[in-house]
Amino acid sequence: RHHRLAEGVRKAVDAWGLKLCAKAPQWHSDTVSAILVPEGIDSGDVVKRAYRTYQTSLGGGLNKVFGKVFRIGHLGWLNEVMVCASLSAAEM
C-alpha cells in the first residue's frame, strides 16, 4: 500500500513539472517524498499555506534543503483520500 501511494505522489509531482530531491529511482522512498520548489519560491510558504488554508500538515526541508523542499509523508495509517488531500493542499 505504501509503495502504491508513494508512486501516486511521485506521478503528481511529475505532472506538476517539479522534481523530487531524491533524483534517482533507487533513492525514492515509500515513506516520504521531498519535492523541490522552483527557484524564487520558499518551500516554507507552501507548508504554511497548506496548514493555514487547508489544515493540512506538510513537512519542510531540513538542513541543506531548508526552504528548497517540502515533504509529503505516505506512511502509517493512510489511504488514497488522505494522500489526495495532501496533494491538493500542496498544489493550491
N, C-alpha and C. Protein backbone atom coordinates (compact mmCIF):
# COMPACT_ATOMS: atom_id res chain seq x y z
N ARG A 1 0.83 -1.20 0.00
CA ARG A 1 0.00 0.00 0.00
C ARG A 1 0.87 1.26 0.00
N HIS A 2 1.90 1.29 0.83
CA HIS A 2 2.73 2.49 0.89
C HIS A 2 3.46 2.75 -0.42
N HIS A 3 3.90 1.69 -1.07
CA HIS A 3 4.57 1.85 -2.36
C HIS A 3 3.60 2.44 -3.39
N ARG A 4 2.38 1.94 -3.42
CA ARG A 4 1.37 2.43 -4.37
C ARG A 4 1.06 3.91 -4.11
N LEU A 5 0.88 4.29 -2.85
CA LEU A 5 0.61 5.69 -2.52
C LEU A 5 1.80 6.58 -2.85
N ALA A 6 3.01 6.09 -2.58
CA ALA A 6 4.22 6.85 -2.91
C ALA A 6 4.34 7.06 -4.41
N GLU A 7 4.02 6.03 -5.18
CA GLU A 7 4.06 6.17 -6.65
C GLU A 7 3.05 7.22 -7.11
N GLY A 8 1.90 7.28 -6.48
CA GLY A 8 0.90 8.30 -6.82
C GLY A 8 1.43 9.70 -6.55
N VAL A 9 2.11 9.88 -5.44
CA VAL A 9 2.71 11.18 -5.12
C VAL A 9 3.77 11.52 -6.16
N ARG A 10 4.61 10.57 -6.49
CA ARG A 10 5.67 10.83 -7.48
C ARG A 10 5.08 11.19 -8.85
N LYS A 11 4.01 10.55 -9.24
CA LYS A 11 3.37 10.88 -10.52
C LYS A 11 2.75 12.27 -10.48
N ALA A 12 2.17 12.65 -9.35
CA ALA A 12 1.61 14.00 -9.23
C ALA A 12 2.72 15.05 -9.33
N VAL A 13 3.83 14.81 -8.65
CA VAL A 13 4.96 15.74 -8.70
C VAL A 13 5.45 15.89 -10.14
N ASP A 14 5.54 14.80 -10.86
CA ASP A 14 5.95 14.84 -12.26
C ASP A 14 4.94 15.63 -13.09
N ALA A 15 3.65 15.44 -12.84
CA ALA A 15 2.61 16.16 -13.58
C ALA A 15 2.67 17.66 -13.30
N TRP A 16 3.10 18.04 -12.10
CA TRP A 16 3.27 19.46 -11.78
C TRP A 16 4.48 20.06 -12.48
N GLY A 17 5.33 19.22 -13.02
CA GLY A 17 6.57 19.71 -13.63
C GLY A 17 7.66 19.97 -12.61
N LEU A 18 7.51 19.42 -11.41
CA LEU A 18 8.52 19.57 -10.37
C LEU A 18 9.37 18.31 -10.26
N LYS A 19 10.40 18.38 -9.45
CA LYS A 19 11.32 17.25 -9.28
C LYS A 19 11.39 16.86 -7.81
N LEU A 20 11.72 15.61 -7.58
CA LEU A 20 11.97 15.13 -6.23
C LEU A 20 13.40 15.44 -5.83
N CYS A 21 13.64 15.59 -4.56
CA CYS A 21 15.00 15.77 -4.05
C CYS A 21 15.83 14.51 -4.35
N ALA A 22 15.21 13.35 -4.16
CA ALA A 22 15.84 12.06 -4.50
C ALA A 22 15.67 11.84 -5.99
N LYS A 23 16.65 12.21 -6.76
CA LYS A 23 16.51 12.22 -8.22
C LYS A 23 16.44 10.83 -8.85
N ALA A 24 17.25 9.91 -8.38
CA ALA A 24 17.29 8.57 -8.99
C ALA A 24 16.25 7.66 -8.34
N PRO A 25 15.57 6.85 -9.14
CA PRO A 25 14.53 5.96 -8.60
C PRO A 25 15.00 5.07 -7.45
N GLN A 26 16.25 4.65 -7.46
CA GLN A 26 16.71 3.79 -6.37
C GLN A 26 16.76 4.54 -5.04
N TRP A 27 16.68 5.86 -5.06
CA TRP A 27 16.68 6.65 -3.83
C TRP A 27 15.27 7.03 -3.38
N HIS A 28 14.27 6.73 -4.21
CA HIS A 28 12.89 7.07 -3.84
C HIS A 28 12.47 6.30 -2.61
N SER A 29 11.70 6.95 -1.77
CA SER A 29 11.25 6.35 -0.52
C SER A 29 9.76 6.05 -0.58
N ASP A 30 9.35 4.96 0.04
CA ASP A 30 7.93 4.65 0.14
C ASP A 30 7.32 5.25 1.41
N THR A 31 8.09 6.03 2.15
CA THR A 31 7.57 6.64 3.37
C THR A 31 7.42 8.15 3.29
N VAL A 32 8.24 8.82 2.48
CA VAL A 32 8.15 10.27 2.35
C VAL A 32 8.74 10.71 1.01
N SER A 33 8.17 11.77 0.45
CA SER A 33 8.71 12.38 -0.77
C SER A 33 9.07 13.82 -0.46
N ALA A 34 10.29 14.23 -0.81
CA ALA A 34 10.73 15.61 -0.68
C ALA A 34 10.69 16.24 -2.07
N ILE A 35 9.88 17.28 -2.21
CA ILE A 35 9.63 17.90 -3.51
C ILE A 35 10.37 19.23 -3.58
N LEU A 36 11.19 19.39 -4.61
CA LEU A 36 11.92 20.64 -4.82
C LEU A 36 10.97 21.70 -5.36
N VAL A 37 11.03 22.91 -4.79
CA VAL A 37 10.23 24.01 -5.31
C VAL A 37 11.07 24.80 -6.31
N PRO A 38 10.42 25.53 -7.23
CA PRO A 38 11.17 26.32 -8.21
C PRO A 38 11.99 27.43 -7.53
N GLU A 39 13.04 27.87 -8.20
CA GLU A 39 13.86 28.99 -7.72
C GLU A 39 12.94 30.17 -7.42
N GLY A 40 13.25 30.88 -6.37
CA GLY A 40 12.48 32.07 -6.02
C GLY A 40 11.26 31.79 -5.15
N ILE A 41 10.97 30.53 -4.90
CA ILE A 41 9.86 30.17 -4.02
C ILE A 41 10.43 29.55 -2.76
N ASP A 42 9.92 29.98 -1.62
CA ASP A 42 10.33 29.43 -0.33
C ASP A 42 9.37 28.30 0.01
N SER A 43 9.91 27.11 0.18
CA SER A 43 9.05 25.96 0.47
C SER A 43 8.30 26.14 1.79
N GLY A 44 8.83 26.95 2.69
CA GLY A 44 8.14 27.24 3.94
C GLY A 44 6.79 27.89 3.70
N ASP A 45 6.69 28.70 2.64
CA ASP A 45 5.42 29.33 2.30
C ASP A 45 4.39 28.29 1.86
N VAL A 46 4.84 27.27 1.15
CA VAL A 46 3.94 26.19 0.72
C VAL A 46 3.41 25.46 1.95
N VAL A 47 4.31 25.15 2.88
CA VAL A 47 3.93 24.44 4.11
C VAL A 47 2.96 25.27 4.94
N LYS A 48 3.25 26.55 5.12
CA LYS A 48 2.39 27.43 5.91
C LYS A 48 1.01 27.58 5.29
N ARG A 49 0.98 27.79 3.98
CA ARG A 49 -0.31 27.98 3.31
C ARG A 49 -1.17 26.71 3.40
N ALA A 50 -0.56 25.56 3.19
CA ALA A 50 -1.31 24.30 3.28
C ALA A 50 -1.94 24.15 4.66
N TYR A 51 -1.18 24.53 5.69
CA TYR A 51 -1.71 24.38 7.05
C TYR A 51 -2.76 25.43 7.37
N ARG A 52 -2.45 26.68 7.08
CA ARG A 52 -3.37 27.78 7.43
C ARG A 52 -4.66 27.74 6.63
N THR A 53 -4.57 27.40 5.36
CA THR A 53 -5.75 27.44 4.50
C THR A 53 -6.52 26.13 4.50
N TYR A 54 -5.81 25.00 4.54
CA TYR A 54 -6.46 23.70 4.37
C TYR A 54 -6.28 22.75 5.56
N GLN A 55 -5.66 23.24 6.64
CA GLN A 55 -5.43 22.42 7.83
C GLN A 55 -4.74 21.09 7.47
N THR A 56 -3.81 21.18 6.55
CA THR A 56 -3.04 20.02 6.09
C THR A 56 -1.58 20.23 6.44
N SER A 57 -0.98 19.27 7.10
CA SER A 57 0.41 19.38 7.51
C SER A 57 1.34 18.74 6.48
N LEU A 58 2.21 19.57 5.93
CA LEU A 58 3.29 19.12 5.07
C LEU A 58 4.58 19.35 5.84
N GLY A 59 5.62 18.63 5.50
CA GLY A 59 6.90 18.83 6.16
C GLY A 59 7.75 19.82 5.40
N GLY A 60 8.60 20.52 6.12
CA GLY A 60 9.54 21.43 5.49
C GLY A 60 10.87 20.76 5.24
N GLY A 61 11.71 21.43 4.52
CA GLY A 61 13.06 20.91 4.28
C GLY A 61 13.95 21.15 5.49
N LEU A 62 14.92 20.30 5.67
CA LEU A 62 15.85 20.40 6.80
C LEU A 62 17.27 20.61 6.30
N ASN A 63 18.07 21.25 7.11
CA ASN A 63 19.50 21.46 6.83
C ASN A 63 19.75 22.06 5.45
N LYS A 64 20.47 21.37 4.58
CA LYS A 64 20.87 21.92 3.28
C LYS A 64 19.69 22.21 2.35
N VAL A 65 18.56 21.56 2.56
CA VAL A 65 17.41 21.77 1.68
C VAL A 65 16.33 22.63 2.34
N PHE A 66 16.66 23.28 3.47
CA PHE A 66 15.71 24.17 4.14
C PHE A 66 15.29 25.28 3.17
N GLY A 67 13.99 25.46 3.02
CA GLY A 67 13.47 26.47 2.11
C GLY A 67 13.42 26.05 0.66
N LYS A 68 13.97 24.87 0.35
CA LYS A 68 14.05 24.40 -1.03
C LYS A 68 13.12 23.23 -1.33
N VAL A 69 12.68 22.52 -0.29
CA VAL A 69 11.79 21.37 -0.49
C VAL A 69 10.67 21.39 0.54
N PHE A 70 9.56 20.77 0.19
CA PHE A 70 8.55 20.43 1.18
C PHE A 70 8.35 18.92 1.08
N ARG A 71 7.87 18.33 2.17
CA ARG A 71 7.77 16.88 2.23
C ARG A 71 6.32 16.44 2.39
N ILE A 72 5.96 15.39 1.67
CA ILE A 72 4.67 14.73 1.82
C ILE A 72 4.94 13.32 2.32
N GLY A 73 4.40 13.01 3.47
CA GLY A 73 4.55 11.67 4.02
C GLY A 73 3.50 10.73 3.47
N HIS A 74 3.90 9.49 3.27
CA HIS A 74 2.94 8.47 2.80
C HIS A 74 3.25 7.16 3.50
N LEU A 75 3.15 7.20 4.83
CA LEU A 75 3.40 6.02 5.65
C LEU A 75 2.37 5.96 6.77
N GLY A 76 2.34 4.85 7.44
CA GLY A 76 1.43 4.70 8.58
C GLY A 76 -0.02 4.52 8.15
N TRP A 77 -0.92 4.96 9.02
CA TRP A 77 -2.35 4.83 8.76
C TRP A 77 -2.74 5.89 7.74
N LEU A 78 -2.82 5.50 6.49
CA LEU A 78 -3.01 6.43 5.39
C LEU A 78 -3.79 5.75 4.29
N ASN A 79 -4.62 6.53 3.59
CA ASN A 79 -5.34 5.98 2.44
C ASN A 79 -5.28 6.97 1.28
N GLU A 80 -5.89 6.59 0.18
CA GLU A 80 -5.83 7.40 -1.05
C GLU A 80 -6.42 8.79 -0.86
N VAL A 81 -7.52 8.89 -0.13
CA VAL A 81 -8.16 10.18 0.08
C VAL A 81 -7.24 11.12 0.85
N MET A 82 -6.56 10.59 1.84
CA MET A 82 -5.63 11.41 2.63
C MET A 82 -4.46 11.90 1.78
N VAL A 83 -3.95 11.05 0.91
CA VAL A 83 -2.86 11.45 0.02
C VAL A 83 -3.36 12.50 -0.97
N CYS A 84 -4.55 12.30 -1.52
CA CYS A 84 -5.12 13.28 -2.45
C CYS A 84 -5.31 14.64 -1.77
N ALA A 85 -5.71 14.64 -0.50
CA ALA A 85 -5.87 15.89 0.24
C ALA A 85 -4.52 16.61 0.37
N SER A 86 -3.48 15.87 0.68
CA SER A 86 -2.14 16.48 0.80
C SER A 86 -1.68 17.04 -0.53
N LEU A 87 -1.89 16.29 -1.59
CA LEU A 87 -1.50 16.76 -2.92
C LEU A 87 -2.29 18.00 -3.31
N SER A 88 -3.57 18.00 -3.03
CA SER A 88 -4.41 19.16 -3.36
C SER A 88 -3.98 20.39 -2.59
N ALA A 89 -3.72 20.24 -1.30
CA ALA A 89 -3.29 21.38 -0.48
C ALA A 89 -1.95 21.92 -0.98
N ALA A 90 -1.04 21.05 -1.36
CA ALA A 90 0.26 21.49 -1.87
C ALA A 90 0.10 22.21 -3.21
N GLU A 91 -0.79 21.70 -4.05
CA GLU A 91 -0.97 22.28 -5.38
C GLU A 91 -1.64 23.64 -5.33
N MET A 92 -2.53 23.82 -4.38
CA MET A 92 -3.27 25.08 -4.31
C MET A 92 -2.35 26.22 -3.93
